[in-house]
Amino acid sequence: MAANEPNPLDRIAALGDPTRRGIFEVLAAGPCSVAEIARQLPVTRPAVSQHLRVLKEAGLVKHETFGTRHLYQIDVIGVAAIRDYLDSLWQRALINFKAEAERSFAEIGKSQNKENPK
């Protein structure tokens, strides 16, 4: 991760706002302009622009300029960073679950051996 690149928790926090989540979901369907996004949500164009700035700073959205038109789209690199973070949490949870299950299984085996000595 580059020095000025947002960390996964900052990216997740940016999606904590319902309006930003709505904008992100609109962009999941494909690139849109500010006006196109504003038409789909109950927010003004200036508000959409402010939310897009936050999403862009979080590395979740990028934009391209075509003449006078600015199209925003999801930044797949930022989304992949969130997914990698969540996958790492899931992997740790699975490893811990496996260790606990094996420990419990071993303890059950010990108690059964005490009850039924050979």
PDB file of N, CA and C in Angstrom:
ATOM      1  N   MET A   1       0.857  -1.171   0.000  1.00  0.00           N
ATOM      2  CA  MET A   1       0.000   0.000   0.000  1.00  0.00           C
ATOM      3  C   MET A   1       0.899   1.230   0.000  1.00  0.00           C
ATOM      4  N   ALA A   2       0.649   2.159  -0.922  1.00  0.00           N
ATOM      5  CA  ALA A   2       1.431   3.385  -1.014  1.00  0.00           C
ATOM      6  C   ALA A   2       1.172   4.267   0.206  1.00  0.00           C
ATOM      7  N   ALA A   3       2.100   5.173   0.475  1.00  0.00           N
ATOM      8  CA  ALA A   3       2.017   6.010   1.677  1.00  0.00           C
ATOM      9  C   ALA A   3       0.728   6.816   1.746  1.00  0.00           C
ATOM     10  N   ASN A   4       0.271   7.365   0.633  1.00  0.00           N
ATOM     11  CA  ASN A   4      -0.932   8.200   0.663  1.00  0.00           C
ATOM     12  C   ASN A   4      -2.194   7.442   0.255  1.00  0.00           C
ATOM     13  N   GLU A   5      -2.077   6.159   0.048  1.00  0.00           N
ATOM     14  CA  GLU A   5      -3.224   5.346  -0.344  1.00  0.00           C
ATOM     15  C   GLU A   5      -4.083   5.049   0.876  1.00  0.00           C
ATOM     16  N   PRO A   6      -5.409   5.167   0.747  1.00  0.00           N
ATOM     17  CA  PRO A   6      -6.284   4.892   1.893  1.00  0.00           C
ATOM     18  C   PRO A   6      -6.183   3.425   2.317  1.00  0.00           C
ATOM     19  N   ASN A   7      -6.348   3.205   3.621  1.00  0.00           N
ATOM     20  CA  ASN A   7      -6.352   1.816   4.076  1.00  0.00           C
ATOM     21  C   ASN A   7      -7.766   1.262   3.921  1.00  0.00           C
ATOM     22  N   PRO A   8      -7.912  -0.063   3.993  1.00  0.00           N
ATOM     23  CA  PRO A   8      -9.228  -0.665   3.779  1.00  0.00           C
ATOM     24  C   PRO A   8     -10.309  -0.144   4.731  1.00  0.00           C
ATOM     25  N   LEU A   9      -9.946   0.155   5.973  1.00  0.00           N
ATOM     26  CA  LEU A   9     -10.953   0.652   6.916  1.00  0.00           C
ATOM     27  C   LEU A   9     -11.447   2.040   6.523  1.00  0.00           C
ATOM     28  N   ASP A  10     -10.569   2.877   5.987  1.00  0.00           N
ATOM     29  CA  ASP A  10     -10.999   4.186   5.485  1.00  0.00           C
ATOM     30  C   ASP A  10     -11.953   4.019   4.302  1.00  0.00           C
ATOM     31  N   ARG A  11     -11.672   3.049   3.478  1.00  0.00           N
ATOM     32  CA  ARG A  11     -12.543   2.784   2.319  1.00  0.00           C
ATOM     33  C   ARG A  11     -13.917   2.316   2.796  1.00  0.00           C
ATOM     34  N   ILE A  12     -13.921   1.414   3.760  1.00  0.00           N
ATOM     35  CA  ILE A  12     -15.191   0.920   4.293  1.00  0.00           C
ATOM     36  C   ILE A  12     -15.951   2.060   4.956  1.00  0.00           C
ATOM     37  N   ALA A  13     -15.252   2.907   5.711  1.00  0.00           N
ATOM     38  CA  ALA A  13     -15.894   4.043   6.384  1.00  0.00           C
ATOM     39  C   ALA A  13     -16.539   4.983   5.381  1.00  0.00           C
ATOM     40  N   ALA A  14     -15.918   5.161   4.230  1.00  0.00           N
ATOM     41  CA  ALA A  14     -16.490   6.043   3.209  1.00  0.00           C
ATOM     42  C   ALA A  14     -17.840   5.525   2.736  1.00  0.00           C
ATOM     43  N   LEU A  15     -18.028   4.227   2.780  1.00  0.00           N
ATOM     44  CA  LEU A  15     -19.306   3.636   2.370  1.00  0.00           C
ATOM     45  C   LEU A  15     -20.314   3.599   3.513  1.00  0.00           C
ATOM     46  N   GLY A  16     -19.921   4.097   4.682  1.00  0.00           N
ATOM     47  CA  GLY A  16     -20.820   4.106   5.833  1.00  0.00           C
ATOM     48  C   GLY A  16     -21.961   5.093   5.694  1.00  0.00           C
ATOM     49  N   ASP A  17     -21.779   6.095   4.858  1.00  0.00           N
ATOM     50  CA  ASP A  17     -22.827   7.088   4.633  1.00  0.00           C
ATOM     51  C   ASP A  17     -23.832   6.533   3.621  1.00  0.00           C
ATOM     52  N   PRO A  18     -25.130   6.571   3.934  1.00  0.00           N
ATOM     53  CA  PRO A  18     -26.131   5.996   3.025  1.00  0.00           C
ATOM     54  C   PRO A  18     -26.143   6.637   1.636  1.00  0.00           C
ATOM     55  N   THR A  19     -25.915   7.945   1.563  1.00  0.00           N
ATOM     56  CA  THR A  19     -25.912   8.602   0.250  1.00  0.00           C
ATOM     57  C   THR A  19     -24.719   8.129  -0.572  1.00  0.00           C
ATOM     58  N   ARG A  20     -23.556   8.031   0.060  1.00  0.00           N
ATOM     59  CA  ARG A  20     -22.377   7.548  -0.676  1.00  0.00           C
ATOM     60  C   ARG A  20     -22.569   6.105  -1.125  1.00  0.00           C
ATOM     61  N   ARG A  21     -23.199   5.304  -0.265  1.00  0.00           N
ATOM     62  CA  ARG A  21     -23.480   3.921  -0.656  1.00  0.00           C
ATOM     63  C   ARG A  21     -24.412   3.896  -1.855  1.00  0.00           C
ATOM     64  N   GLY A  22     -25.411   4.773  -1.842  1.00  0.00           N
ATOM     65  CA  GLY A  22     -26.336   4.849  -2.977  1.00  0.00           C
ATOM     66  C   GLY A  22     -25.621   5.239  -4.257  1.00  0.00           C
ATOM     67  N   ILE A  23     -24.742   6.217  -4.162  1.00  0.00           N
ATOM     68  CA  ILE A  23     -23.956   6.638  -5.333  1.00  0.00           C
ATOM     69  C   ILE A  23     -23.102   5.474  -5.823  1.00  0.00           C
ATOM     70  N   PHE A  24     -22.471   4.777  -4.885  1.00  0.00           N
ATOM     71  CA  PHE A  24     -21.625   3.639  -5.234  1.00  0.00           C
ATOM     72  C   PHE A  24     -22.441   2.561  -5.938  1.00  0.00           C
ATOM     73  N   GLU A  25     -23.655   2.326  -5.451  1.00  0.00           N
ATOM     74  CA  GLU A  25     -24.520   1.322  -6.077  1.00  0.00           C
ATOM     75  C   GLU A  25     -24.965   1.757  -7.471  1.00  0.00           C
ATOM     76  N   VAL A  26     -25.221   3.049  -7.656  1.00  0.00           N
ATOM     77  CA  VAL A  26     -25.549   3.557  -8.999  1.00  0.00           C
ATOM     78  C   VAL A  26     -24.375   3.294  -9.937  1.00  0.00           C
ATOM     79  N   LEU A  27     -23.167   3.574  -9.460  1.00  0.00           N
ATOM     80  CA  LEU A  27     -21.981   3.393 -10.297  1.00  0.00           C
ATOM     81  C   LEU A  27     -21.671   1.924 -10.567  1.00  0.00           C
ATOM     82  N   ALA A  28     -22.181   1.043  -9.730  1.00  0.00           N
ATOM     83  CA  ALA A  28     -21.982  -0.395  -9.969  1.00  0.00           C
ATOM     84  C   ALA A  28     -22.631  -0.820 -11.287  1.00  0.00           C
ATOM     85  N   ALA A  29     -23.643  -0.081 -11.728  1.00  0.00           N
ATOM     86  CA  ALA A  29     -24.309  -0.386 -12.994  1.00  0.00           C
ATOM     87  C   ALA A  29     -23.511   0.122 -14.189  1.00  0.00           C
ATOM     88  N   GLY A  30     -22.561   1.021 -13.940  1.00  0.00           N
ATOM     89  CA  GLY A  30     -21.738   1.542 -15.023  1.00  0.00           C
ATOM     90  C   GLY A  30     -21.410   3.003 -14.808  1.00  0.00           C
ATOM     91  N   PRO A  31     -20.477   3.531 -15.597  1.00  0.00           N
ATOM     92  CA  PRO A  31     -20.056   4.927 -15.450  1.00  0.00           C
ATOM     93  C   PRO A  31     -21.220   5.902 -15.620  1.00  0.00           C
ATOM     94  N   CYS A  32     -21.183   6.980 -14.831  1.00  0.00           N
ATOM     95  CA  CYS A  32     -22.237   8.004 -14.874  1.00  0.00           C
ATOM     96  C   CYS A  32     -21.630   9.376 -14.634  1.00  0.00           C
ATOM     97  N   SER A  33     -22.330  10.378 -15.107  1.00  0.00           N
ATOM     98  CA  SER A  33     -21.977  11.762 -14.793  1.00  0.00           C
ATOM     99  C   SER A  33     -22.651  12.147 -13.477  1.00  0.00           C
ATOM    100  N   VAL A  34     -22.245  13.286 -12.935  1.00  0.00           N
ATOM    101  CA  VAL A  34     -22.871  13.797 -11.707  1.00  0.00           C
ATOM    102  C   VAL A  34     -24.368  13.972 -11.922  1.00  0.00           C
ATOM    103  N   ALA A  35     -24.746  14.543 -13.049  1.00  0.00           N
ATOM    104  CA  ALA A  35     -26.163  14.779 -13.342  1.00  0.00           C
ATOM    105  C   ALA A  35     -26.944  13.470 -13.406  1.00  0.00           C
ATOM    106  N   GLU A  36     -26.365  12.458 -14.030  1.00  0.00           N
ATOM    107  CA  GLU A  36     -27.042  11.162 -14.124  1.00  0.00           C
ATOM    108  C   GLU A  36     -27.225  10.526 -12.738  1.00  0.00           C
ATOM    109  N   ILE A  37     -26.228  10.676 -11.903  1.00  0.00           N
ATOM    110  CA  ILE A  37     -26.326  10.135 -10.533  1.00  0.00           C
ATOM    111  C   ILE A  37     -27.403  10.896  -9.764  1.00  0.00           C
ATOM    112  N   ALA A  38     -27.377  12.228  -9.858  1.00  0.00           N
ATOM    113  CA  ALA A  38     -28.339  13.058  -9.118  1.00  0.00           C
ATOM    114  C   ALA A  38     -29.775  12.752  -9.528  1.00  0.00           C
ATOM    115  N   ARG A  39     -29.991  12.410 -10.792  1.00  0.00           N
ATOM    116  CA  ARG A  39     -31.351  12.072 -11.257  1.00  0.00           C
ATOM    117  C   ARG A  39     -31.868  10.788 -10.609  1.00  0.00           C
ATOM    118  N   GLN A  40     -30.953   9.918 -10.201  1.00  0.00           N
ATOM    119  CA  GLN A  40     -31.356   8.626  -9.643  1.00  0.00           C
ATOM    120  C   GLN A  40     -31.484   8.638  -8.120  1.00  0.00           C
ATOM    121  N   LEU A  41     -31.029   9.721  -7.492  1.00  0.00           N
ATOM    122  CA  LEU A  41     -31.040   9.790  -6.029  1.00  0.00           C
ATOM    123  C   LEU A  41     -31.684  11.091  -5.565  1.00  0.00           C
ATOM    124  N   PRO A  42     -32.192  11.120  -4.346  1.00  0.00           N
ATOM    125  CA  PRO A  42     -32.830  12.340  -3.835  1.00  0.00           C
ATOM    126  C   PRO A  42     -31.813  13.337  -3.259  1.00  0.00           C
ATOM    127  N   VAL A  43     -30.785  13.656  -4.058  1.00  0.00           N
ATOM    128  CA  VAL A  43     -29.766  14.617  -3.633  1.00  0.00           C
ATOM    129  C   VAL A  43     -29.453  15.566  -4.785  1.00  0.00           C
ATOM    130  N   THR A  44     -28.920  16.723  -4.432  1.00  0.00           N
ATOM    131  CA  THR A  44     -28.587  17.721  -5.447  1.00  0.00           C
ATOM    132  C   THR A  44     -27.269  17.359  -6.137  1.00  0.00           C
ATOM    133  N   ARG A  45     -27.044  17.976  -7.276  1.00  0.00           N
ATOM    134  CA  ARG A  45     -25.785  17.757  -7.989  1.00  0.00           C
ATOM    135  C   ARG A  45     -24.578  18.184  -7.154  1.00  0.00           C
ATOM    136  N   PRO A  46     -24.632  19.352  -6.459  1.00  0.00           N
ATOM    137  CA  PRO A  46     -23.485  19.700  -5.622  1.00  0.00           C
ATOM    138  C   PRO A  46     -23.224  18.666  -4.517  1.00  0.00           C
ATOM    139  N   ALA A  47     -24.294  18.127  -3.950  1.00  0.00           N
ATOM    140  CA  ALA A  47     -24.128  17.100  -2.911  1.00  0.00           C
ATOM    141  C   ALA A  47     -23.496  15.838  -3.499  1.00  0.00           C
ATOM    142  N   VAL A  48     -23.933  15.460  -4.689  1.00  0.00           N
ATOM    143  CA  VAL A  48     -23.343  14.295  -5.357  1.00  0.00           C
ATOM    144  C   VAL A  48     -21.853  14.526  -5.568  1.00  0.00           C
ATOM    145  N   SER A  49     -21.496  15.727  -6.013  1.00  0.00           N
ATOM    146  CA  SER A  49     -20.083  16.048  -6.240  1.00  0.00           C
ATOM    147  C   SER A  49     -19.271  15.925  -4.958  1.00  0.00           C
ATOM    148  N   GLN A  50     -19.825  16.395  -3.857  1.00  0.00           N
ATOM    149  CA  GLN A  50     -19.115  16.300  -2.572  1.00  0.00           C
ATOM    150  C   GLN A  50     -18.924  14.837  -2.158  1.00  0.00           C
ATOM    151  N   HIS A  51     -19.966  14.053  -2.319  1.00  0.00           N
ATOM    152  CA  HIS A  51     -19.868  12.637  -1.965  1.00  0.00           C
ATOM    153  C   HIS A  51     -18.888  11.904  -2.889  1.00  0.00           C
ATOM    154  N   LEU A  52     -18.899  12.258  -4.166  1.00  0.00           N
ATOM    155  CA  LEU A  52     -17.952  11.649  -5.095  1.00  0.00           C
ATOM    156  C   LEU A  52     -16.514  11.981  -4.714  1.00  0.00           C
ATOM    157  N   ARG A  53     -16.292  13.189  -4.232  1.00  0.00           N
ATOM    158  CA  ARG A  53     -14.948  13.576  -3.800  1.00  0.00           C
ATOM    159  C   ARG A  53     -14.474  12.672  -2.654  1.00  0.00           C
ATOM    160  N   VAL A  54     -15.366  12.415  -1.693  1.00  0.00           N
ATOM    161  CA  VAL A  54     -15.016  11.537  -0.572  1.00  0.00           C
ATOM    162  C   VAL A  54     -14.727  10.124  -1.085  1.00  0.00           C
ATOM    163  N   LEU A  55     -15.569   9.624  -1.970  1.00  0.00           N
ATOM    164  CA  LEU A  55     -15.359   8.282  -2.524  1.00  0.00           C
ATOM    165  C   LEU A  55     -14.066   8.210  -3.331  1.00  0.00           C
ATOM    166  N   LYS A  56     -13.761   9.284  -4.036  1.00  0.00           N
ATOM    167  CA  LYS A  56     -12.521   9.323  -4.819  1.00  0.00           C
ATOM    168  C   LYS A  56     -11.309   9.345  -3.892  1.00  0.00           C
ATOM    169  N   GLU A  57     -11.362  10.153  -2.830  1.00  0.00           N
ATOM    170  CA  GLU A  57     -10.257  10.205  -1.860  1.00  0.00           C
ATOM    171  C   GLU A  57     -10.063   8.862  -1.165  1.00  0.00           C
ATOM    172  N   ALA A  58     -11.146   8.115  -1.021  1.00  0.00           N
ATOM    173  CA  ALA A  58     -11.074   6.786  -0.404  1.00  0.00           C
ATOM    174  C   ALA A  58     -10.589   5.724  -1.392  1.00  0.00           C
ATOM    175  N   GLY A  59     -10.408   6.113  -2.646  1.00  0.00           N
ATOM    176  CA  GLY A  59      -9.930   5.177  -3.652  1.00  0.00           C
ATOM    177  C   GLY A  59     -10.990   4.226  -4.160  1.00  0.00           C
ATOM    178  N   LEU A  60     -12.254   4.599  -4.012  1.00  0.00           N
ATOM    179  CA  LEU A  60     -13.348   3.729  -4.457  1.00  0.00           C
ATOM    180  C   LEU A  60     -13.945   4.137  -5.786  1.00  0.00           C
ATOM    181  N   VAL A  61     -13.681   5.379  -6.188  1.00  0.00           N
ATOM    182  CA  VAL A  61     -14.249   5.920  -7.422  1.00  0.00           C
ATOM    183  C   VAL A  61     -13.142   6.643  -8.171  1.00  0.00           C
ATOM    184  N   LYS A  62     -13.200   6.561  -9.482  1.00  0.00           N
ATOM    185  CA  LYS A  62     -12.294   7.349 -10.317  1.00  0.00           C
ATOM    186  C   LYS A  62     -13.129   8.009 -11.400  1.00  0.00           C
ATOM    187  N   HIS A  63     -12.537   8.975 -12.068  1.00  0.00           N
ATOM    188  CA  HIS A  63     -13.296   9.623 -13.126  1.00  0.00           C
ATOM    189  C   HIS A  63     -12.407   9.878 -14.335  1.00  0.00           C
ATOM    190  N   GLU A  64     -13.064   9.955 -15.468  1.00  0.00           N
ATOM    191  CA  GLU A  64     -12.399  10.274 -16.727  1.00  0.00           C
ATOM    192  C   GLU A  64     -13.132  11.451 -17.342  1.00  0.00           C
ATOM    193  N   THR A  65     -12.382  12.272 -18.042  1.00  0.00           N
ATOM    194  CA  THR A  65     -12.968  13.425 -18.699  1.00  0.00           C
ATOM    195  C   THR A  65     -13.003  13.174 -20.199  1.00  0.00           C
ATOM    196  N   PHE A  66     -14.159  13.391 -20.776  1.00  0.00           N
ATOM    197  CA  PHE A  66     -14.353  13.286 -22.215  1.00  0.00           C
ATOM    198  C   PHE A  66     -14.893  14.625 -22.691  1.00  0.00           C
ATOM    199  N   GLY A  67     -14.015  15.489 -23.155  1.00  0.00           N
ATOM    200  CA  GLY A  67     -14.421  16.841 -23.525  1.00  0.00           C
ATOM    201  C   GLY A  67     -14.847  17.595 -22.276  1.00  0.00           C
ATOM    202  N   THR A  68     -16.101  18.004 -22.230  1.00  0.00           N
ATOM    203  CA  THR A  68     -16.611  18.715 -21.053  1.00  0.00           C
ATOM    204  C   THR A  68     -17.341  17.770 -20.100  1.00  0.00           C
ATOM    205  N   ARG A  69     -17.386  16.512 -20.440  1.00  0.00           N
ATOM    206  CA  ARG A  69     -18.144  15.535 -19.655  1.00  0.00           C
ATOM    207  C   ARG A  69     -17.220  14.746 -18.729  1.00  0.00           C
ATOM    208  N   HIS A  70     -17.596  14.670 -17.466  1.00  0.00           N
ATOM    209  CA  HIS A  70     -16.852  13.894 -16.466  1.00  0.00           C
ATOM    210  C   HIS A  70     -17.667  12.655 -16.120  1.00  0.00           C
ATOM    211  N   LEU A  71     -17.099  11.499 -16.363  1.00  0.00           N
ATOM    212  CA  LEU A  71     -17.778  10.251 -16.033  1.00  0.00           C
ATOM    213  C   LEU A  71     -17.068   9.595 -14.854  1.00  0.00           C
ATOM    214  N   TYR A  72     -17.871   9.215 -13.871  1.00  0.00           N
ATOM    215  CA  TYR A  72     -17.351   8.555 -12.673  1.00  0.00           C
ATOM    216  C   TYR A  72     -17.652   7.069 -12.767  1.00  0.00           C
ATOM    217  N   GLN A  73     -16.727   6.285 -12.230  1.00  0.00           N
ATOM    218  CA  GLN A  73     -16.924   4.836 -12.210  1.00  0.00           C
ATOM    219  C   GLN A  73     -16.237   4.253 -10.989  1.00  0.00           C
ATOM    220  N   ILE A  74     -16.624   3.048 -10.648  1.00  0.00           N
ATOM    221  CA  ILE A  74     -16.017   2.364  -9.512  1.00  0.00           C
ATOM    222  C   ILE A  74     -14.559   2.060  -9.839  1.00  0.00           C
ATOM    223  N   ASP A  75     -13.701   2.269  -8.855  1.00  0.00           N
ATOM    224  CA  ASP A  75     -12.281   1.941  -8.993  1.00  0.00           C
ATOM    225  C   ASP A  75     -12.092   0.522  -8.469  1.00  0.00           C
ATOM    226  N   VAL A  76     -11.884  -0.401  -9.373  1.00  0.00           N
ATOM    227  CA  VAL A  76     -11.815  -1.813  -8.992  1.00  0.00           C
ATOM    228  C   VAL A  76     -10.630  -2.113  -8.079  1.00  0.00           C
ATOM    229  N   ILE A  77      -9.588  -1.314  -8.151  1.00  0.00           N
ATOM    230  CA  ILE A  77      -8.430  -1.522  -7.275  1.00  0.00           C
ATOM    231  C   ILE A  77      -8.817  -1.255  -5.819  1.00  0.00           C
ATOM    232  N   GLY A  78      -9.581  -0.187  -5.592  1.00  0.00           N
ATOM    233  CA  GLY A  78     -10.041   0.124  -4.240  1.00  0.00           C
ATOM    234  C   GLY A  78     -10.989  -0.925  -3.699  1.00  0.00           C
ATOM    235  N   VAL A  79     -11.876  -1.404  -4.548  1.00  0.00           N
ATOM    236  CA  VAL A  79     -12.816  -2.449  -4.127  1.00  0.00           C
ATOM    237  C   VAL A  79     -12.053  -3.736  -3.825  1.00  0.00           C
ATOM    238  N   ALA A  80     -11.043  -4.042  -4.627  1.00  0.00           N
ATOM    239  CA  ALA A  80     -10.233  -5.243  -4.391  1.00  0.00           C
ATOM    240  C   ALA A  80      -9.505  -5.150  -3.050  1.00  0.00           C
ATOM    241  N   ALA A  81      -9.075  -3.944  -2.675  1.00  0.00           N
ATOM    242  CA  ALA A  81      -8.396  -3.764  -1.384  1.00  0.00           C
ATOM    243  C   ALA A  81      -9.346  -4.083  -0.226  1.00  0.00           C
ATOM    244  N   ILE A  82     -10.609  -3.672  -0.347  1.00  0.00           N
ATOM    245  CA  ILE A  82     -11.599  -4.002   0.685  1.00  0.00           C
ATOM    246  C   ILE A  82     -11.813  -5.515   0.729  1.00  0.00           C
ATOM    247  N   ARG A  83     -11.948  -6.102  -0.441  1.00  0.00           N
ATOM    248  CA  ARG A  83     -12.182  -7.548  -0.493  1.00  0.00           C
ATOM    249  C   ARG A  83     -11.005  -8.317   0.105  1.00  0.00           C
ATOM    250  N   ASP A  84      -9.787  -7.900  -0.217  1.00  0.00           N
ATOM    251  CA  ASP A  84      -8.603  -8.555   0.341  1.00  0.00           C
ATOM    252  C   ASP A  84      -8.593  -8.461   1.868  1.00  0.00           C
ATOM    253  N   TYR A  85      -8.951  -7.285   2.380  1.00  0.00           N
ATOM    254  CA  TYR A  85      -9.002  -7.081   3.827  1.00  0.00           C
ATOM    255  C   TYR A  85     -10.041  -8.022   4.457  1.00  0.00           C
ATOM    256  N   LEU A  86     -11.239  -8.057   3.879  1.00  0.00           N
ATOM    257  CA  LEU A  86     -12.293  -8.922   4.427  1.00  0.00           C
ATOM    258  C   LEU A  86     -11.919 -10.397   4.290  1.00  0.00           C
ATOM    259  N   ASP A  87     -11.272 -10.769   3.184  1.00  0.00           N
ATOM    260  CA  ASP A  87     -10.822 -12.149   3.011  1.00  0.00           C
ATOM    261  C   ASP A  87      -9.801 -12.527   4.083  1.00  0.00           C
ATOM    262  N   SER A  88      -8.902 -11.583   4.431  1.00  0.00           N
ATOM    263  CA  SER A  88      -7.899 -11.881   5.458  1.00  0.00           C
ATOM    264  C   SER A  88      -8.575 -12.079   6.818  1.00  0.00           C
ATOM    265  N   LEU A  89      -9.602 -11.275   7.109  1.00  0.00           N
ATOM    266  CA  LEU A  89     -10.351 -11.472   8.360  1.00  0.00           C
ATOM    267  C   LEU A  89     -11.045 -12.827   8.364  1.00  0.00           C
ATOM    268  N   TRP A  90     -11.634 -13.182   7.241  1.00  0.00           N
ATOM    269  CA  TRP A  90     -12.339 -14.452   7.121  1.00  0.00           C
ATOM    270  C   TRP A  90     -11.363 -15.618   7.295  1.00  0.00           C
ATOM    271  N   GLN A  91     -10.179 -15.507   6.689  1.00  0.00           N
ATOM    272  CA  GLN A  91      -9.184 -16.570   6.821  1.00  0.00           C
ATOM    273  C   GLN A  91      -8.772 -16.752   8.281  1.00  0.00           C
ATOM    274  N   ARG A  92      -8.538 -15.627   8.978  1.00  0.00           N
ATOM    275  CA  ARG A  92      -8.179 -15.720  10.399  1.00  0.00           C
ATOM    276  C   ARG A  92      -9.302 -16.359  11.203  1.00  0.00           C
ATOM    277  N   ALA A  93     -10.540 -15.984  10.894  1.00  0.00           N
ATOM    278  CA  ALA A  93     -11.680 -16.562  11.611  1.00  0.00           C
ATOM    279  C   ALA A  93     -11.763 -18.066  11.367  1.00  0.00           C
ATOM    280  N   LEU A  94     -11.536 -18.493  10.139  1.00  0.00           N
ATOM    281  CA  LEU A  94     -11.578 -19.927   9.839  1.00  0.00           C
ATOM    282  C   LEU A  94     -10.457 -20.691  10.542  1.00  0.00           C
ATOM    283  N   ILE A  95      -9.265 -20.091  10.566  1.00  0.00           N
ATOM    284  CA  ILE A  95      -8.138 -20.729  11.247  1.00  0.00           C
ATOM    285  C   ILE A  95      -8.437 -20.862  12.741  1.00  0.00           C
ATOM    286  N   ASN A  96      -8.965 -19.794  13.346  1.00  0.00           N
ATOM    287  CA  ASN A  96      -9.304 -19.835  14.771  1.00  0.00           C
ATOM    288  C   ASN A  96     -10.426 -20.831  15.051  1.00  0.00           C
ATOM    289  N   PHE A  97     -11.415 -20.887  14.164  1.00  0.00           N
ATOM    290  CA  PHE A  97     -12.515 -21.843  14.329  1.00  0.00           C
ATOM    291  C   PHE A  97     -11.990 -23.274  14.264  1.00  0.00           C
ATOM    292  N   LYS A  98     -11.118 -23.533  13.301  1.00  0.00           N
ATOM    293  CA  LYS A  98     -10.551 -24.874  13.159  1.00  0.00           C
ATOM    294  C   LYS A  98      -9.770 -25.262  14.410  1.00  0.00           C
ATOM    295  N   ALA A  99      -8.942 -24.343  14.904  1.00  0.00           N
ATOM    296  CA  ALA A  99      -8.148 -24.626  16.107  1.00  0.00           C
ATOM    297  C   ALA A  99      -9.045 -24.905  17.302  1.00  0.00           C
ATOM    298  N   GLU A 100     -10.108 -24.135  17.461  1.00  0.00           N
ATOM    299  CA  GLU A 100     -11.036 -24.333  18.582  1.00  0.00           C
ATOM    300  C   GLU A 100     -11.787 -25.655  18.434  1.00  0.00           C
ATOM    301  N   ALA A 101     -12.201 -25.983  17.213  1.00  0.00           N
ATOM    302  CA  ALA A 101     -12.901 -27.251  16.986  1.00  0.00           C
ATOM    303  C   ALA A 101     -11.984 -28.430  17.294  1.00  0.00           C
ATOM    304  N   GLU A 102     -10.720 -28.344  16.870  1.00  0.00           N
ATOM    305  CA  GLU A 102      -9.773 -29.421  17.148  1.00  0.00           C
ATOM    306  C   GLU A 102      -9.497 -29.537  18.639  1.00  0.00           C
ATOM    307  N   ARG A 103      -9.393 -28.410  19.339  1.00  0.00           N
ATOM    308  CA  ARG A 103      -9.173 -28.425  20.782  1.00  0.00           C
ATOM    309  C   ARG A 103     -10.366 -29.069  21.490  1.00  0.00           C
ATOM    310  N   SER A 104     -11.567 -28.671  21.090  1.00  0.00           N
ATOM    311  CA  SER A 104     -12.779 -29.233  21.702  1.00  0.00           C
ATOM    312  C   SER A 104     -12.877 -30.733  21.430  1.00  0.00           C
ATOM    313  N   PHE A 105     -12.566 -31.134  20.210  1.00  0.00           N
ATOM    314  CA  PHE A 105     -12.612 -32.545  19.847  1.00  0.00           C
ATOM    315  C   PHE A 105     -11.617 -33.343  20.676  1.00  0.00           C
ATOM    316  N   ALA A 106     -10.429 -32.792  20.871  1.00  0.00           N
ATOM    317  CA  ALA A 106      -9.400 -33.471  21.677  1.00  0.00           C
ATOM    318  C   ALA A 106      -9.867 -33.593  23.126  1.00  0.00           C
ATOM    319  N   GLU A 107     -10.508 -32.560  23.659  1.00  0.00           N
ATOM    320  CA  GLU A 107     -10.986 -32.611  25.044  1.00  0.00           C
ATOM    321  C   GLU A 107     -12.111 -33.621  25.195  1.00  0.00           C
ATOM    322  N   ILE A 108     -12.981 -33.710  24.209  1.00  0.00           N
ATOM    323  CA  ILE A 108     -14.058 -34.716  24.253  1.00  0.00           C
ATOM    324  C   ILE A 108     -13.444 -36.105  24.262  1.00  0.00           C
ATOM    325  N   GLY A 109     -12.418 -36.298  23.420  1.00  0.00           N
ATOM    326  CA  GLY A 109     -11.739 -37.596  23.371  1.00  0.00           C
ATOM    327  C   GLY A 109     -11.096 -37.942  24.698  1.00  0.00           C
ATOM    328  N   LYS A 110     -10.490 -36.974  25.373  1.00  0.00           N
ATOM    329  CA  LYS A 110      -9.862 -37.215  26.682  1.00  0.00           C
ATOM    330  C   LYS A 110     -10.902 -37.609  27.722  1.00  0.00           C
ATOM    331  N   SER A 111     -12.038 -36.895  27.718  1.00  0.00           N
ATOM    332  CA  SER A 111     -13.060 -37.203  28.731  1.00  0.00           C
ATOM    333  C   SER A 111     -13.690 -38.562  28.470  1.00  0.00           C
ATOM    334  N   GLN A 112     -13.825 -38.949  27.204  1.00  0.00           N
ATOM    335  CA  GLN A 112     -14.373 -40.274  26.905  1.00  0.00           C
ATOM    336  C   GLN A 112     -13.403 -41.368  27.322  1.00  0.00           C
ATOM    337  N   ASN A 113     -12.092 -41.112  27.189  1.00  0.00           N
ATOM    338  CA  ASN A 113     -11.101 -42.085  27.600  1.00  0.00           C
ATOM    339  C   ASN A 113     -11.108 -42.279  29.103  1.00  0.00           C
ATOM    340  N   LYS A 114     -11.358 -41.225  29.863  1.00  0.00           N
ATOM    341  CA  LYS A 114     -11.424 -41.318  31.343  1.00  0.00           C
ATOM    342  C   LYS A 114     -12.636 -42.124  31.769  1.00  0.00           C
ATOM    343  N   GLU A 115     -13.756 -41.958  31.040  1.00  0.00           N
ATOM    344  CA  GLU A 115     -14.990 -42.651  31.403  1.00  0.00           C
ATOM    345  C   GLU A 115     -14.930 -44.116  31.017  1.00  0.00           C
ATOM    346  N   ASN A 116     -14.227 -44.441  29.958  1.00  0.00           N
ATOM    347  CA  ASN A 116     -14.156 -45.811  29.448  1.00  0.00           C
ATOM    348  C   ASN A 116     -12.701 -46.272  29.353  1.00  0.00           C
ATOM    349  N   PRO A 117     -12.035 -46.467  30.498  1.00  0.00           N
ATOM    350  CA  PRO A 117     -10.640 -46.916  30.419  1.00  0.00           C
ATOM    351  C   PRO A 117     -10.575 -48.333  29.873  1.00  0.00           C
ATOM    352  N   LYS A 118      -9.510 -48.619  29.157  1.00  0.00           N
ATOM    353  CA  LYS A 118      -9.375 -49.960  28.549  1.00  0.00           C
ATOM    354  C   LYS A 118      -8.644 -50.895  29.436  1.00  0.00           C
TER     355      LYS A 118
END
